[in-house]
Amino acid sequence: MTTRLRIARIVSDREVAITGGKDSDIKPGDILLILGRPIQIEDPDTGESLGEIVTNKAVVRVYDVQDRFCLARTFRQRKVNVGGSGMGGSGLAKFFEPPKYETRTETLQRNPQAGMTIEEDDAIVQVGDVVEKFEGNVEDIPTTSVWR
């Protein structure tokens, strides 16, 4: 990909507008990684830079493409135990309750109790974050996003 894509707007707790659309060869169904800022790794003895790492904040799938921007949303899901643990947990009552699993969708917000529209301060991603096209198994990509 030759065009550098960035977050243009946080639309909701699962959706973002991204710079680049048809003019950047973006298509519905494309998978995009929202990247964190590079973290410099230095040798603790010499202070010499050893390189940098970049974390993945979130993974989104494009669902609408305009000429110069696109809309994408989180889509990965996983089962989360919201019931008993059978292992002790936070109280004796939880110990005896059976596990109860719900399917949760990855979100872009820091506080999973908040509503659907979120302020930029509540979002894991920020306007201006770098976005890259991704090809591969999206289930194996670690992210800092929240499962709600």
Protein backbone atom coordinates (compact mmCIF):
# COMPACT_ATOMS: atom_id res chain seq x y z
CA MET A 1 0.00 0.00 0.00
CA THR A 2 1.51 3.33 -0.99
CA THR A 3 -0.94 5.71 0.66
CA ARG A 4 -0.59 6.32 4.40
CA LEU A 5 -4.01 5.96 5.96
CA ARG A 6 -5.08 7.59 9.23
CA ILE A 7 -8.12 7.75 11.50
CA ALA A 8 -10.13 10.82 10.42
CA ARG A 9 -13.00 10.52 12.92
CA ILE A 10 -14.26 8.20 15.64
CA VAL A 11 -17.87 7.53 14.66
CA SER A 12 -18.99 5.22 17.50
CA ASP A 13 -17.68 2.65 19.96
CA ARG A 14 -17.12 0.27 17.02
CA GLU A 15 -16.76 2.52 13.96
CA VAL A 16 -14.18 4.88 12.50
CA ALA A 17 -13.81 7.00 9.38
CA ILE A 18 -10.43 6.52 7.72
CA THR A 19 -8.63 8.72 5.21
CA GLY A 20 -8.39 6.93 1.89
CA GLY A 21 -11.16 5.38 -0.12
CA LYS A 22 -11.52 4.46 -3.76
CA ASP A 23 -8.56 6.79 -4.47
CA SER A 24 -6.40 4.54 -2.23
CA ASP A 25 -7.67 1.23 -3.63
CA ILE A 26 -9.69 0.46 -0.47
CA LYS A 27 -12.57 -1.98 -0.95
CA PRO A 28 -15.46 -3.21 1.22
CA GLY A 29 -14.25 -6.20 3.22
CA ASP A 30 -10.64 -4.99 3.48
CA ILE A 31 -9.12 -5.61 6.91
CA LEU A 32 -7.26 -2.68 8.47
CA LEU A 33 -5.00 -2.49 11.53
CA ILE A 34 -5.10 0.63 13.68
CA LEU A 35 -1.56 1.07 14.99
CA GLY A 36 -0.21 2.58 18.19
CA ARG A 37 2.69 4.99 18.30
CA PRO A 38 6.12 3.39 17.87
CA ILE A 39 7.86 2.51 21.16
CA GLN A 40 11.63 2.95 21.12
CA ILE A 41 13.67 0.07 22.56
CA GLU A 42 17.01 1.10 24.04
CA ASP A 43 19.93 -0.84 25.42
CA PRO A 44 19.78 -0.25 29.21
CA ASP A 45 23.57 -0.15 29.51
CA THR A 46 24.52 2.06 26.57
CA GLY A 47 21.30 3.93 25.81
CA GLU A 48 21.76 2.91 22.17
CA SER A 49 18.56 2.55 20.18
CA LEU A 50 17.90 -1.09 19.34
CA GLY A 51 14.87 -0.35 17.21
CA GLU A 52 11.17 0.08 17.79
CA ILE A 53 7.97 -1.89 18.18
CA VAL A 54 4.48 -0.93 17.11
CA THR A 55 1.40 -2.29 18.86
CA ASN A 56 -1.97 -2.95 17.26
CA LYS A 57 -4.75 -0.94 18.86
CA ALA A 58 -7.62 -2.53 16.94
CA VAL A 59 -8.65 -4.50 13.87
CA VAL A 60 -11.50 -3.20 11.70
CA ARG A 61 -13.26 -4.27 8.49
CA VAL A 62 -14.23 -1.74 5.81
CA TYR A 63 -17.96 -1.66 5.08
CA ASP A 64 -18.44 1.60 3.12
CA VAL A 65 -16.02 3.19 0.65
CA GLN A 66 -16.32 6.76 -0.64
CA ASP A 67 -13.94 8.48 -3.07
CA ARG A 68 -11.56 9.85 -0.39
CA PHE A 69 -12.51 8.07 2.84
CA CYS A 70 -13.95 4.82 4.11
CA LEU A 71 -15.93 3.61 7.11
CA ALA A 72 -14.81 0.56 9.04
CA ARG A 73 -15.97 -1.21 12.20
CA THR A 74 -14.74 -3.78 14.66
CA PHE A 75 -15.99 -7.28 13.93
CA ARG A 76 -14.04 -9.85 15.91
CA GLN A 77 -16.03 -11.73 18.52
CA ARG A 78 -15.22 -14.08 21.35
CA LYS A 79 -17.07 -15.93 24.08
CA VAL A 80 -16.70 -14.43 27.55
CA ASN A 81 -17.75 -16.06 30.83
CA VAL A 82 -20.15 -13.70 32.65
CA GLY A 83 -21.48 -16.34 35.05
CA GLY A 84 -19.97 -18.52 37.72
CA SER A 85 -16.46 -19.79 37.57
CA GLY A 86 -16.64 -23.04 39.49
CA MET A 87 -13.16 -22.03 40.67
CA GLY A 88 -13.79 -19.64 43.57
CA GLY A 89 -13.70 -16.25 41.93
CA SER A 90 -14.98 -13.09 43.59
CA GLY A 91 -17.27 -14.78 46.06
CA LEU A 92 -18.43 -18.10 47.36
CA ALA A 93 -21.74 -17.87 45.45
CA LYS A 94 -19.87 -17.58 42.13
CA PHE A 95 -18.02 -20.78 42.98
CA PHE A 96 -21.21 -22.82 42.77
CA GLU A 97 -22.77 -21.06 39.75
CA PRO A 98 -22.24 -22.69 36.37
CA PRO A 99 -20.31 -20.71 33.77
CA LYS A 100 -22.49 -18.56 31.51
CA TYR A 101 -20.96 -17.54 28.20
CA GLU A 102 -21.94 -14.58 26.04
CA THR A 103 -20.54 -13.57 22.67
CA ARG A 104 -18.86 -10.17 22.91
CA THR A 105 -17.71 -7.92 20.07
CA GLU A 106 -14.43 -6.03 20.21
CA THR A 107 -14.92 -2.28 20.79
CA LEU A 108 -12.83 0.86 20.55
CA GLN A 109 -13.72 2.31 23.94
CA ARG A 110 -11.81 2.32 27.19
CA ASN A 111 -14.95 1.98 29.33
CA PRO A 112 -17.14 -0.89 28.14
CA GLN A 113 -20.04 0.40 30.28
CA ALA A 114 -20.38 3.61 28.27
CA GLY A 115 -22.92 4.20 25.51
CA MET A 116 -22.62 3.76 21.76
CA THR A 117 -21.27 7.23 20.94
CA ILE A 118 -17.95 7.96 22.55
CA GLU A 119 -15.72 10.96 23.03
CA GLU A 120 -12.20 10.76 21.70
CA ASP A 121 -10.83 10.70 25.27
CA ASP A 122 -12.78 7.48 25.92
CA ALA A 123 -11.48 5.75 22.80
CA ILE A 124 -8.52 3.41 22.50
CA VAL A 125 -7.90 4.85 19.03
CA GLN A 126 -7.30 8.53 18.31
CA VAL A 127 -7.81 10.80 15.31
CA GLY A 128 -4.54 10.71 13.38
CA ASP A 129 -3.60 7.12 14.31
CA VAL A 130 -1.88 5.31 11.44
CA VAL A 131 -3.88 2.57 9.70
CA GLU A 132 -2.47 -0.24 7.54
CA LYS A 133 -4.10 -2.79 5.26
CA PHE A 134 -3.75 -6.36 6.56
CA GLU A 135 -3.91 -9.77 4.93
CA GLY A 136 -3.82 -12.88 7.06
CA ASN A 137 -5.56 -14.51 10.03
CA VAL A 138 -7.17 -11.67 11.99
CA GLU A 139 -7.99 -13.85 15.00
CA ASP A 140 -4.29 -14.11 15.86
CA ILE A 141 -3.65 -10.35 16.01
CA PRO A 142 -3.24 -9.12 19.60
CA THR A 143 -4.85 -5.73 20.28
CA THR A 144 -5.48 -3.35 23.16
CA SER A 145 -9.19 -3.02 22.36
CA VAL A 146 -11.98 -4.01 24.76
CA TRP A 147 -14.44 -6.90 24.40
CA ARG A 148 -17.92 -5.71 25.36
